[in-house]
Amino acid sequence: MSKSTALFRYKKIIWITFFVIEAFLVLFFILRLFAANPEAGLAQLIYPVSQLLLLPFNDLFPVTELGPSRIEINALVALVIYWLVAILLSKILQAATPVSSREAKEELHRDDL
């Protein structure tokens, strides 16, 4: 497997993982916002996984309650942070991948333009 193929695959894994995390958090936010029944099957799948993903963000901001609806600002913050982490991991992976002298010169030339 060439280094560009390996890089492509690793970056793809990072972004697929990111999209799965984001999907859980977006669904969590929507279900809470519209006061979904926590006994429903989808909610029983989404809530526990999302709670694990939200652990680092617990109590960062208070939850706003509007009747039965809940606005989870922590989930929105988590969406942004996980997106930034995915970008950072992707860039680190790209920077750590060895390149040939020719590729390095081409990249430096592109940066100069």
PDB file of N, CA and C in Angstrom:
ATOM      1  N   MET A   1       0.855  -1.177   0.000  1.00  0.00           N
ATOM      2  CA  MET A   1       0.000   0.000   0.000  1.00  0.00           C
ATOM      3  C   MET A   1       0.903   1.242   0.000  1.00  0.00           C
ATOM      4  N   SER A   2       0.646   2.167  -0.918  1.00  0.00           N
ATOM      5  CA  SER A   2       1.457   3.381  -0.999  1.00  0.00           C
ATOM      6  C   SER A   2       1.111   4.316   0.152  1.00  0.00           C
ATOM      7  N   LYS A   3       2.020   5.267   0.410  1.00  0.00           N
ATOM      8  CA  LYS A   3       1.782   6.192   1.523  1.00  0.00           C
ATOM      9  C   LYS A   3       0.580   7.087   1.265  1.00  0.00           C
ATOM     10  N   SER A   4       0.326   7.453   0.005  1.00  0.00           N
ATOM     11  CA  SER A   4      -0.846   8.282  -0.282  1.00  0.00           C
ATOM     12  C   SER A   4      -2.132   7.488  -0.084  1.00  0.00           C
ATOM     13  N   THR A   5      -2.111   6.193  -0.409  1.00  0.00           N
ATOM     14  CA  THR A   5      -3.283   5.346  -0.183  1.00  0.00           C
ATOM     15  C   THR A   5      -3.535   5.185   1.310  1.00  0.00           C
ATOM     16  N   ALA A   6      -2.467   4.971   2.078  1.00  0.00           N
ATOM     17  CA  ALA A   6      -2.604   4.828   3.531  1.00  0.00           C
ATOM     18  C   ALA A   6      -3.128   6.119   4.145  1.00  0.00           C
ATOM     19  N   LEU A   7      -2.568   7.247   3.720  1.00  0.00           N
ATOM     20  CA  LEU A   7      -3.023   8.540   4.229  1.00  0.00           C
ATOM     21  C   LEU A   7      -4.500   8.737   3.926  1.00  0.00           C
ATOM     22  N   PHE A   8      -4.895   8.434   2.699  1.00  0.00           N
ATOM     23  CA  PHE A   8      -6.298   8.572   2.305  1.00  0.00           C
ATOM     24  C   PHE A   8      -7.192   7.724   3.199  1.00  0.00           C
ATOM     25  N   ARG A   9      -6.798   6.483   3.440  1.00  0.00           N
ATOM     26  CA  ARG A   9      -7.619   5.584   4.262  1.00  0.00           C
ATOM     27  C   ARG A   9      -7.716   6.069   5.703  1.00  0.00           C
ATOM     28  N   TYR A  10      -6.603   6.491   6.276  1.00  0.00           N
ATOM     29  CA  TYR A  10      -6.625   6.970   7.661  1.00  0.00           C
ATOM     30  C   TYR A  10      -7.471   8.232   7.797  1.00  0.00           C
ATOM     31  N   LYS A  11      -7.333   9.140   6.834  1.00  0.00           N
ATOM     32  CA  LYS A  11      -8.148  10.356   6.876  1.00  0.00           C
ATOM     33  C   LYS A  11      -9.627  10.015   6.718  1.00  0.00           C
ATOM     34  N   LYS A  12      -9.912   9.035   5.876  1.00  0.00           N
ATOM     35  CA  LYS A  12     -11.298   8.615   5.693  1.00  0.00           C
ATOM     36  C   LYS A  12     -11.866   8.047   6.996  1.00  0.00           C
ATOM     37  N   ILE A  13     -11.069   7.256   7.701  1.00  0.00           N
ATOM     38  CA  ILE A  13     -11.502   6.707   8.993  1.00  0.00           C
ATOM     39  C   ILE A  13     -11.783   7.829   9.985  1.00  0.00           C
ATOM     40  N   ILE A  14     -10.911   8.833  10.024  1.00  0.00           N
ATOM     41  CA  ILE A  14     -11.121   9.977  10.920  1.00  0.00           C
ATOM     42  C   ILE A  14     -12.444  10.652  10.608  1.00  0.00           C
ATOM     43  N   TRP A  15     -12.712  10.927   9.326  1.00  0.00           N
ATOM     44  CA  TRP A  15     -13.913  11.667   8.963  1.00  0.00           C
ATOM     45  C   TRP A  15     -15.183  10.832   9.107  1.00  0.00           C
ATOM     46  N   ILE A  16     -15.116   9.543   8.849  1.00  0.00           N
ATOM     47  CA  ILE A  16     -16.295   8.696   9.070  1.00  0.00           C
ATOM     48  C   ILE A  16     -16.624   8.660  10.558  1.00  0.00           C
ATOM     49  N   THR A  17     -15.598   8.508  11.393  1.00  0.00           N
ATOM     50  CA  THR A  17     -15.807   8.526  12.847  1.00  0.00           C
ATOM     51  C   THR A  17     -16.415   9.849  13.277  1.00  0.00           C
ATOM     52  N   PHE A  18     -15.885  10.941  12.746  1.00  0.00           N
ATOM     53  CA  PHE A  18     -16.414  12.268  13.061  1.00  0.00           C
ATOM     54  C   PHE A  18     -17.887  12.381  12.679  1.00  0.00           C
ATOM     55  N   PHE A  19     -18.255  11.925  11.489  1.00  0.00           N
ATOM     56  CA  PHE A  19     -19.647  12.036  11.054  1.00  0.00           C
ATOM     57  C   PHE A  19     -20.581  11.187  11.911  1.00  0.00           C
ATOM     58  N   VAL A  20     -20.116  10.036  12.362  1.00  0.00           N
ATOM     59  CA  VAL A  20     -20.939   9.210  13.255  1.00  0.00           C
ATOM     60  C   VAL A  20     -21.147   9.938  14.585  1.00  0.00           C
ATOM     61  N   ILE A  21     -20.078  10.502  15.135  1.00  0.00           N
ATOM     62  CA  ILE A  21     -20.191  11.264  16.385  1.00  0.00           C
ATOM     63  C   ILE A  21     -21.143  12.434  16.203  1.00  0.00           C
ATOM     64  N   GLU A  22     -20.971  13.175  15.121  1.00  0.00           N
ATOM     65  CA  GLU A  22     -21.832  14.332  14.866  1.00  0.00           C
ATOM     66  C   GLU A  22     -23.290  13.918  14.700  1.00  0.00           C
ATOM     67  N   ALA A  23     -23.533  12.798  14.035  1.00  0.00           N
ATOM     68  CA  ALA A  23     -24.909  12.326  13.845  1.00  0.00           C
ATOM     69  C   ALA A  23     -25.570  12.048  15.188  1.00  0.00           C
ATOM     70  N   PHE A  24     -24.859  11.379  16.083  1.00  0.00           N
ATOM     71  CA  PHE A  24     -25.415  11.109  17.411  1.00  0.00           C
ATOM     72  C   PHE A  24     -25.711  12.409  18.153  1.00  0.00           C
ATOM     73  N   LEU A  25     -24.789  13.368  18.097  1.00  0.00           N
ATOM     74  CA  LEU A  25     -24.983  14.620  18.830  1.00  0.00           C
ATOM     75  C   LEU A  25     -26.100  15.473  18.239  1.00  0.00           C
ATOM     76  N   VAL A  26     -26.197  15.515  16.926  1.00  0.00           N
ATOM     77  CA  VAL A  26     -27.282  16.279  16.291  1.00  0.00           C
ATOM     78  C   VAL A  26     -28.632  15.653  16.629  1.00  0.00           C
ATOM     79  N   LEU A  27     -28.720  14.337  16.531  1.00  0.00           N
ATOM     80  CA  LEU A  27     -29.975  13.664  16.889  1.00  0.00           C
ATOM     81  C   LEU A  27     -30.314  13.872  18.359  1.00  0.00           C
ATOM     82  N   PHE A  28     -29.323  13.815  19.225  1.00  0.00           N
ATOM     83  CA  PHE A  28     -29.537  14.074  20.654  1.00  0.00           C
ATOM     84  C   PHE A  28     -30.118  15.471  20.852  1.00  0.00           C
ATOM     85  N   PHE A  29     -29.493  16.467  20.212  1.00  0.00           N
ATOM     86  CA  PHE A  29     -29.952  17.850  20.344  1.00  0.00           C
ATOM     87  C   PHE A  29     -31.396  17.990  19.863  1.00  0.00           C
ATOM     88  N   ILE A  30     -31.701  17.411  18.716  1.00  0.00           N
ATOM     89  CA  ILE A  30     -33.055  17.508  18.150  1.00  0.00           C
ATOM     90  C   ILE A  30     -34.074  16.789  19.022  1.00  0.00           C
ATOM     91  N   LEU A  31     -33.735  15.590  19.480  1.00  0.00           N
ATOM     92  CA  LEU A  31     -34.667  14.841  20.330  1.00  0.00           C
ATOM     93  C   LEU A  31     -34.955  15.592  21.624  1.00  0.00           C
ATOM     94  N   ARG A  32     -33.933  16.181  22.233  1.00  0.00           N
ATOM     95  CA  ARG A  32     -34.140  16.963  23.462  1.00  0.00           C
ATOM     96  C   ARG A  32     -34.926  18.240  23.179  1.00  0.00           C
ATOM     97  N   LEU A  33     -34.600  18.884  22.066  1.00  0.00           N
ATOM     98  CA  LEU A  33     -35.267  20.139  21.722  1.00  0.00           C
ATOM     99  C   LEU A  33     -36.764  19.941  21.542  1.00  0.00           C
ATOM    100  N   PHE A  34     -37.140  18.844  20.906  1.00  0.00           N
ATOM    101  CA  PHE A  34     -38.553  18.592  20.651  1.00  0.00           C
ATOM    102  C   PHE A  34     -39.181  17.653  21.672  1.00  0.00           C
ATOM    103  N   ALA A  35     -38.506  17.467  22.803  1.00  0.00           N
ATOM    104  CA  ALA A  35     -39.032  16.681  23.929  1.00  0.00           C
ATOM    105  C   ALA A  35     -39.494  15.296  23.493  1.00  0.00           C
ATOM    106  N   ALA A  36     -38.626  14.599  22.790  1.00  0.00           N
ATOM    107  CA  ALA A  36     -38.958  13.244  22.337  1.00  0.00           C
ATOM    108  C   ALA A  36     -39.152  12.320  23.536  1.00  0.00           C
ATOM    109  N   ASN A  37     -39.981  11.327  23.341  1.00  0.00           N
ATOM    110  CA  ASN A  37     -40.250  10.340  24.381  1.00  0.00           C
ATOM    111  C   ASN A  37     -38.967   9.542  24.650  1.00  0.00           C
ATOM    112  N   PRO A  38     -38.415   9.608  25.877  1.00  0.00           N
ATOM    113  CA  PRO A  38     -37.178   8.885  26.171  1.00  0.00           C
ATOM    114  C   PRO A  38     -37.337   7.366  26.150  1.00  0.00           C
ATOM    115  N   GLU A  39     -38.582   6.889  26.146  1.00  0.00           N
ATOM    116  CA  GLU A  39     -38.839   5.445  26.098  1.00  0.00           C
ATOM    117  C   GLU A  39     -38.861   4.907  24.664  1.00  0.00           C
ATOM    118  N   ALA A  40     -38.881   5.804  23.686  1.00  0.00           N
ATOM    119  CA  ALA A  40     -38.898   5.380  22.282  1.00  0.00           C
ATOM    120  C   ALA A  40     -37.563   4.723  21.928  1.00  0.00           C
ATOM    121  N   GLY A  41     -37.609   3.781  21.005  1.00  0.00           N
ATOM    122  CA  GLY A  41     -36.417   3.022  20.632  1.00  0.00           C
ATOM    123  C   GLY A  41     -35.257   3.884  20.172  1.00  0.00           C
ATOM    124  N   LEU A  42     -35.533   4.861  19.314  1.00  0.00           N
ATOM    125  CA  LEU A  42     -34.462   5.722  18.810  1.00  0.00           C
ATOM    126  C   LEU A  42     -33.814   6.500  19.953  1.00  0.00           C
ATOM    127  N   ALA A  43     -34.638   7.034  20.831  1.00  0.00           N
ATOM    128  CA  ALA A  43     -34.108   7.788  21.970  1.00  0.00           C
ATOM    129  C   ALA A  43     -33.273   6.886  22.874  1.00  0.00           C
ATOM    130  N   GLN A  44     -33.702   5.647  23.059  1.00  0.00           N
ATOM    131  CA  GLN A  44     -32.951   4.718  23.908  1.00  0.00           C
ATOM    132  C   GLN A  44     -31.601   4.352  23.290  1.00  0.00           C
ATOM    133  N   LEU A  45     -31.480   4.475  21.996  1.00  0.00           N
ATOM    134  CA  LEU A  45     -30.192   4.256  21.335  1.00  0.00           C
ATOM    135  C   LEU A  45     -29.328   5.518  21.395  1.00  0.00           C
ATOM    136  N   ILE A  46     -29.924   6.654  21.086  1.00  0.00           N
ATOM    137  CA  ILE A  46     -29.183   7.910  20.957  1.00  0.00           C
ATOM    138  C   ILE A  46     -28.721   8.456  22.306  1.00  0.00           C
ATOM    139  N   TYR A  47     -29.592   8.455  23.311  1.00  0.00           N
ATOM    140  CA  TYR A  47     -29.260   9.099  24.585  1.00  0.00           C
ATOM    141  C   TYR A  47     -28.023   8.529  25.279  1.00  0.00           C
ATOM    142  N   PRO A  48     -27.899   7.215  25.465  1.00  0.00           N
ATOM    143  CA  PRO A  48     -26.708   6.720  26.185  1.00  0.00           C
ATOM    144  C   PRO A  48     -25.395   6.970  25.435  1.00  0.00           C
ATOM    145  N   VAL A  49     -25.414   6.794  24.121  1.00  0.00           N
ATOM    146  CA  VAL A  49     -24.193   7.035  23.338  1.00  0.00           C
ATOM    147  C   VAL A  49     -23.827   8.513  23.401  1.00  0.00           C
ATOM    148  N   SER A  50     -24.821   9.371  23.256  1.00  0.00           N
ATOM    149  CA  SER A  50     -24.573  10.814  23.291  1.00  0.00           C
ATOM    150  C   SER A  50     -24.080  11.256  24.658  1.00  0.00           C
ATOM    151  N   GLN A  51     -24.621  10.668  25.709  1.00  0.00           N
ATOM    152  CA  GLN A  51     -24.174  11.029  27.059  1.00  0.00           C
ATOM    153  C   GLN A  51     -22.682  10.737  27.228  1.00  0.00           C
ATOM    154  N   LEU A  52     -22.214   9.623  26.667  1.00  0.00           N
ATOM    155  CA  LEU A  52     -20.775   9.316  26.719  1.00  0.00           C
ATOM    156  C   LEU A  52     -19.961  10.358  25.955  1.00  0.00           C
ATOM    157  N   LEU A  53     -20.452  10.731  24.782  1.00  0.00           N
ATOM    158  CA  LEU A  53     -19.748  11.723  23.965  1.00  0.00           C
ATOM    159  C   LEU A  53     -19.751  13.104  24.612  1.00  0.00           C
ATOM    160  N   LEU A  54     -20.762  13.363  25.434  1.00  0.00           N
ATOM    161  CA  LEU A  54     -20.899  14.671  26.074  1.00  0.00           C
ATOM    162  C   LEU A  54     -20.227  14.756  27.442  1.00  0.00           C
ATOM    163  N   LEU A  55     -19.668  13.657  27.933  1.00  0.00           N
ATOM    164  CA  LEU A  55     -19.037  13.666  29.261  1.00  0.00           C
ATOM    165  C   LEU A  55     -18.040  14.814  29.459  1.00  0.00           C
ATOM    166  N   PRO A  56     -17.148  15.093  28.509  1.00  0.00           N
ATOM    167  CA  PRO A  56     -16.203  16.195  28.734  1.00  0.00           C
ATOM    168  C   PRO A  56     -16.871  17.570  28.788  1.00  0.00           C
ATOM    169  N   PHE A  57     -18.109  17.646  28.353  1.00  0.00           N
ATOM    170  CA  PHE A  57     -18.793  18.937  28.261  1.00  0.00           C
ATOM    171  C   PHE A  57     -19.900  19.096  29.311  1.00  0.00           C
ATOM    172  N   ASN A  58     -20.051  18.093  30.181  1.00  0.00           N
ATOM    173  CA  ASN A  58     -21.088  18.167  31.216  1.00  0.00           C
ATOM    174  C   ASN A  58     -20.906  19.414  32.071  1.00  0.00           C
ATOM    175  N   ASP A  59     -21.991  20.063  32.360  1.00  0.00           N
ATOM    176  CA  ASP A  59     -22.028  21.236  33.245  1.00  0.00           C
ATOM    177  C   ASP A  59     -21.233  22.427  32.724  1.00  0.00           C
ATOM    178  N   LEU A  60     -20.873  22.415  31.456  1.00  0.00           N
ATOM    179  CA  LEU A  60     -20.187  23.566  30.877  1.00  0.00           C
ATOM    180  C   LEU A  60     -21.144  24.756  30.834  1.00  0.00           C
ATOM    181  N   PHE A  61     -22.355  24.502  30.361  1.00  0.00           N
ATOM    182  CA  PHE A  61     -23.413  25.508  30.338  1.00  0.00           C
ATOM    183  C   PHE A  61     -24.666  24.895  30.947  1.00  0.00           C
ATOM    184  N   PRO A  62     -25.515  25.726  31.524  1.00  0.00           N
ATOM    185  CA  PRO A  62     -26.766  25.172  32.055  1.00  0.00           C
ATOM    186  C   PRO A  62     -27.699  24.771  30.912  1.00  0.00           C
ATOM    187  N   VAL A  63     -28.516  23.765  31.174  1.00  0.00           N
ATOM    188  CA  VAL A  63     -29.520  23.332  30.200  1.00  0.00           C
ATOM    189  C   VAL A  63     -30.712  24.266  30.336  1.00  0.00           C
ATOM    190  N   THR A  64     -31.174  24.805  29.214  1.00  0.00           N
ATOM    191  CA  THR A  64     -32.330  25.694  29.215  1.00  0.00           C
ATOM    192  C   THR A  64     -33.578  24.864  28.971  1.00  0.00           C
ATOM    193  N   GLU A  65     -34.532  24.981  29.876  1.00  0.00           N
ATOM    194  CA  GLU A  65     -35.779  24.233  29.733  1.00  0.00           C
ATOM    195  C   GLU A  65     -36.903  25.185  29.349  1.00  0.00           C
ATOM    196  N   LEU A  66     -37.614  24.815  28.294  1.00  0.00           N
ATOM    197  CA  LEU A  66     -38.778  25.566  27.828  1.00  0.00           C
ATOM    198  C   LEU A  66     -39.948  24.597  27.795  1.00  0.00           C
ATOM    199  N   GLY A  67     -40.663  24.515  28.910  1.00  0.00           N
ATOM    200  CA  GLY A  67     -41.705  23.502  29.009  1.00  0.00           C
ATOM    201  C   GLY A  67     -41.041  22.141  28.994  1.00  0.00           C
ATOM    202  N   PRO A  68     -41.527  21.233  28.163  1.00  0.00           N
ATOM    203  CA  PRO A  68     -40.899  19.907  28.105  1.00  0.00           C
ATOM    204  C   PRO A  68     -39.613  19.887  27.259  1.00  0.00           C
ATOM    205  N   SER A  69     -39.390  20.937  26.490  1.00  0.00           N
ATOM    206  CA  SER A  69     -38.204  20.999  25.624  1.00  0.00           C
ATOM    207  C   SER A  69     -36.966  21.395  26.417  1.00  0.00           C
ATOM    208  N   ARG A  70     -35.828  20.907  25.952  1.00  0.00           N
ATOM    209  CA  ARG A  70     -34.552  21.251  26.583  1.00  0.00           C
ATOM    210  C   ARG A  70     -33.572  21.693  25.500  1.00  0.00           C
ATOM    211  N   ILE A  71     -32.935  22.822  25.731  1.00  0.00           N
ATOM    212  CA  ILE A  71     -31.913  23.302  24.803  1.00  0.00           C
ATOM    213  C   ILE A  71     -30.557  22.973  25.412  1.00  0.00           C
ATOM    214  N   GLU A  72     -29.867  22.040  24.783  1.00  0.00           N
ATOM    215  CA  GLU A  72     -28.584  21.532  25.282  1.00  0.00           C
ATOM    216  C   GLU A  72     -27.434  22.254  24.570  1.00  0.00           C
ATOM    217  N   ILE A  73     -27.035  23.393  25.124  1.00  0.00           N
ATOM    218  CA  ILE A  73     -25.930  24.167  24.545  1.00  0.00           C
ATOM    219  C   ILE A  73     -24.641  23.339  24.554  1.00  0.00           C
ATOM    220  N   ASN A  74     -24.486  22.487  25.572  1.00  0.00           N
ATOM    221  CA  ASN A  74     -23.287  21.637  25.654  1.00  0.00           C
ATOM    222  C   ASN A  74     -23.144  20.757  24.416  1.00  0.00           C
ATOM    223  N   ALA A  75     -24.257  20.297  23.873  1.00  0.00           N
ATOM    224  CA  ALA A  75     -24.209  19.464  22.667  1.00  0.00           C
ATOM    225  C   ALA A  75     -23.707  20.278  21.474  1.00  0.00           C
ATOM    226  N   LEU A  76     -24.119  21.530  21.396  1.00  0.00           N
ATOM    227  CA  LEU A  76     -23.655  22.385  20.298  1.00  0.00           C
ATOM    228  C   LEU A  76     -22.156  22.663  20.417  1.00  0.00           C
ATOM    229  N   VAL A  77     -21.706  22.901  21.638  1.00  0.00           N
ATOM    230  CA  VAL A  77     -20.270  23.113  21.864  1.00  0.00           C
ATOM    231  C   VAL A  77     -19.496  21.847  21.489  1.00  0.00           C
ATOM    232  N   ALA A  78     -20.018  20.694  21.878  1.00  0.00           N
ATOM    233  CA  ALA A  78     -19.368  19.419  21.553  1.00  0.00           C
ATOM    234  C   ALA A  78     -19.265  19.225  20.040  1.00  0.00           C
ATOM    235  N   LEU A  79     -20.313  19.607  19.309  1.00  0.00           N
ATOM    236  CA  LEU A  79     -20.278  19.497  17.846  1.00  0.00           C
ATOM    237  C   LEU A  79     -19.085  20.260  17.274  1.00  0.00           C
ATOM    238  N   VAL A  80     -18.890  21.468  17.753  1.00  0.00           N
ATOM    239  CA  VAL A  80     -17.793  22.307  17.255  1.00  0.00           C
ATOM    240  C   VAL A  80     -16.439  21.725  17.672  1.00  0.00           C
ATOM    241  N   ILE A  81     -16.320  21.316  18.929  1.00  0.00           N
ATOM    242  CA  ILE A  81     -15.042  20.791  19.424  1.00  0.00           C
ATOM    243  C   ILE A  81     -14.654  19.507  18.696  1.00  0.00           C
ATOM    244  N   TYR A  82     -15.609  18.586  18.518  1.00  0.00           N
ATOM    245  CA  TYR A  82     -15.293  17.342  17.808  1.00  0.00           C
ATOM    246  C   TYR A  82     -14.912  17.621  16.350  1.00  0.00           C
ATOM    247  N   TRP A  83     -15.525  18.625  15.733  1.00  0.00           N
ATOM    248  CA  TRP A  83     -15.171  19.012  14.369  1.00  0.00           C
ATOM    249  C   TRP A  83     -13.726  19.521  14.326  1.00  0.00           C
ATOM    250  N   LEU A  84     -13.366  20.366  15.300  1.00  0.00           N
ATOM    251  CA  LEU A  84     -11.997  20.883  15.357  1.00  0.00           C
ATOM    252  C   LEU A  84     -10.986  19.763  15.609  1.00  0.00           C
ATOM    253  N   VAL A  85     -11.341  18.814  16.451  1.00  0.00           N
ATOM    254  CA  VAL A  85     -10.459  17.672  16.720  1.00  0.00           C
ATOM    255  C   VAL A  85     -10.255  16.847  15.447  1.00  0.00           C
ATOM    256  N   ALA A  86     -11.318  16.637  14.681  1.00  0.00           N
ATOM    257  CA  ALA A  86     -11.202  15.874  13.432  1.00  0.00           C
ATOM    258  C   ALA A  86     -10.277  16.587  12.449  1.00  0.00           C
ATOM    259  N   ILE A  87     -10.417  17.894  12.342  1.00  0.00           N
ATOM    260  CA  ILE A  87      -9.535  18.668  11.457  1.00  0.00           C
ATOM    261  C   ILE A  87      -8.092  18.558  11.939  1.00  0.00           C
ATOM    262  N   LEU A  88      -7.883  18.725  13.232  1.00  0.00           N
ATOM    263  CA  LEU A  88      -6.538  18.657  13.796  1.00  0.00           C
ATOM    264  C   LEU A  88      -5.899  17.285  13.560  1.00  0.00           C
ATOM    265  N   LEU A  89      -6.640  16.218  13.828  1.00  0.00           N
ATOM    266  CA  LEU A  89      -6.109  14.868  13.604  1.00  0.00           C
ATOM    267  C   LEU A  89      -5.762  14.641  12.137  1.00  0.00           C
ATOM    268  N   SER A  90      -6.610  15.126  11.260  1.00  0.00           N
ATOM    269  CA  SER A  90      -6.370  14.982   9.831  1.00  0.00           C
ATOM    270  C   SER A  90      -5.100  15.720   9.411  1.00  0.00           C
ATOM    271  N   LYS A  91      -4.915  16.925   9.931  1.00  0.00           N
ATOM    272  CA  LYS A  91      -3.726  17.726   9.598  1.00  0.00           C
ATOM    273  C   LYS A  91      -2.458  17.105  10.186  1.00  0.00           C
ATOM    274  N   ILE A  92      -2.550  16.593  11.421  1.00  0.00           N
ATOM    275  CA  ILE A  92      -1.390  15.941  12.039  1.00  0.00           C
ATOM    276  C   ILE A  92      -0.992  14.712  11.237  1.00  0.00           C
ATOM    277  N   LEU A  93      -1.981  13.938  10.849  1.00  0.00           N
ATOM    278  CA  LEU A  93      -1.716  12.736  10.057  1.00  0.00           C
ATOM    279  C   LEU A  93      -1.043  13.095   8.737  1.00  0.00           C
ATOM    280  N   GLN A  94      -1.537  14.142   8.107  1.00  0.00           N
ATOM    281  CA  GLN A  94      -0.953  14.572   6.837  1.00  0.00           C
ATOM    282  C   GLN A  94       0.476  15.073   7.044  1.00  0.00           C
ATOM    283  N   ALA A  95       0.694  15.824   8.121  1.00  0.00           N
ATOM    284  CA  ALA A  95       2.034  16.360   8.385  1.00  0.00           C
ATOM    285  C   ALA A  95       3.021  15.255   8.753  1.00  0.00           C
ATOM    286  N   ALA A  96       2.543  14.194   9.371  1.00  0.00           N
ATOM    287  CA  ALA A  96       3.416  13.100   9.805  1.00  0.00           C
ATOM    288  C   ALA A  96       3.726  12.110   8.690  1.00  0.00           C
ATOM    289  N   THR A  97       3.035  12.228   7.570  1.00  0.00           N
ATOM    290  CA  THR A  97       3.253  11.308   6.456  1.00  0.00           C
ATOM    291  C   THR A  97       4.505  11.719   5.690  1.00  0.00           C
ATOM    292  N   PRO A  98       5.448  10.803   5.524  1.00  0.00           N
ATOM    293  CA  PRO A  98       6.673  11.146   4.797  1.00  0.00           C
ATOM    294  C   PRO A  98       6.374  11.489   3.335  1.00  0.00           C
ATOM    295  N   VAL A  99       7.129  12.437   2.816  1.00  0.00           N
ATOM    296  CA  VAL A  99       6.975  12.831   1.414  1.00  0.00           C
ATOM    297  C   VAL A  99       8.346  12.799   0.745  1.00  0.00           C
ATOM    298  N   SER A 100       8.326  12.691  -0.563  1.00  0.00           N
ATOM    299  CA  SER A 100       9.589  12.720  -1.311  1.00  0.00           C
ATOM    300  C   SER A 100      10.069  14.165  -1.430  1.00  0.00           C
ATOM    301  N   SER A 101      11.316  14.336  -1.835  1.00  0.00           N
ATOM    302  CA  SER A 101      11.866  15.684  -2.024  1.00  0.00           C
ATOM    303  C   SER A 101      11.052  16.458  -3.050  1.00  0.00           C
ATOM    304  N   ARG A 102      10.664  15.769  -4.124  1.00  0.00           N
ATOM    305  CA  ARG A 102       9.881  16.417  -5.179  1.00  0.00           C
ATOM    306  C   ARG A 102       8.538  16.904  -4.624  1.00  0.00           C
ATOM    307  N   GLU A 103       7.862  16.047  -3.851  1.00  0.00           N
ATOM    308  CA  GLU A 103       6.566  16.435  -3.280  1.00  0.00           C
ATOM    309  C   GLU A 103       6.725  17.616  -2.321  1.00  0.00           C
ATOM    310  N   ALA A 104       7.798  17.622  -1.542  1.00  0.00           N
ATOM    311  CA  ALA A 104       8.040  18.721  -0.607  1.00  0.00           C
ATOM    312  C   ALA A 104       8.253  20.032  -1.360  1.00  0.00           C
ATOM    313  N   LYS A 105       9.038  19.989  -2.450  1.00  0.00           N
ATOM    314  CA  LYS A 105       9.276  21.197  -3.245  1.00  0.00           C
ATOM    315  C   LYS A 105       7.979  21.710  -3.862  1.00  0.00           C
ATOM    316  N   GLU A 106       7.166  20.795  -4.380  1.00  0.00           N
ATOM    317  CA  GLU A 106       5.887  21.195  -4.976  1.00  0.00           C
ATOM    318  C   GLU A 106       4.978  21.834  -3.929  1.00  0.00           C
ATOM    319  N   GLU A 107       4.945  21.258  -2.748  1.00  0.00           N
ATOM    320  CA  GLU A 107       4.099  21.796  -1.678  1.00  0.00           C
ATOM    321  C   GLU A 107       4.582  23.177  -1.250  1.00  0.00           C
ATOM    322  N   LEU A 108       5.895  23.337  -1.109  1.00  0.00           N
ATOM    323  CA  LEU A 108       6.445  24.643  -0.745  1.00  0.00           C
ATOM    324  C   LEU A 108       6.162  25.670  -1.828  1.00  0.00           C
ATOM    325  N   HIS A 109       6.262  25.258  -3.080  1.00  0.00           N
ATOM    326  CA  HIS A 109       5.975  26.164  -4.188  1.00  0.00           C
ATOM    327  C   HIS A 109       4.507  26.600  -4.151  1.00  0.00           C
ATOM    328  N   ARG A 110       3.610  25.664  -3.887  1.00  0.00           N
ATOM    329  CA  ARG A 110       2.176  26.001  -3.793  1.00  0.00           C
ATOM    330  C   ARG A 110       1.920  26.975  -2.654  1.00  0.00           C
ATOM    331  N   ASP A 111       2.620  26.794  -1.533  1.00  0.00           N
ATOM    332  CA  ASP A 111       2.444  27.691  -0.389  1.00  0.00           C
ATOM    333  C   ASP A 111       2.933  29.098  -0.699  1.00  0.00           C
ATOM    334  N   ASP A 112       3.936  29.212  -1.575  1.00  0.00           N
ATOM    335  CA  ASP A 112       4.480  30.525  -1.928  1.00  0.00           C
ATOM    336  C   ASP A 112       3.551  31.308  -2.851  1.00  0.00           C
ATOM    337  N   LEU A 113       2.686  30.612  -3.565  1.00  0.00           N
ATOM    338  CA  LEU A 113       1.803  31.294  -4.525  1.00  0.00           C
ATOM    339  C   LEU A 113       0.705  32.036  -3.874  1.00  0.00           C
TER     340      LEU A 113
END
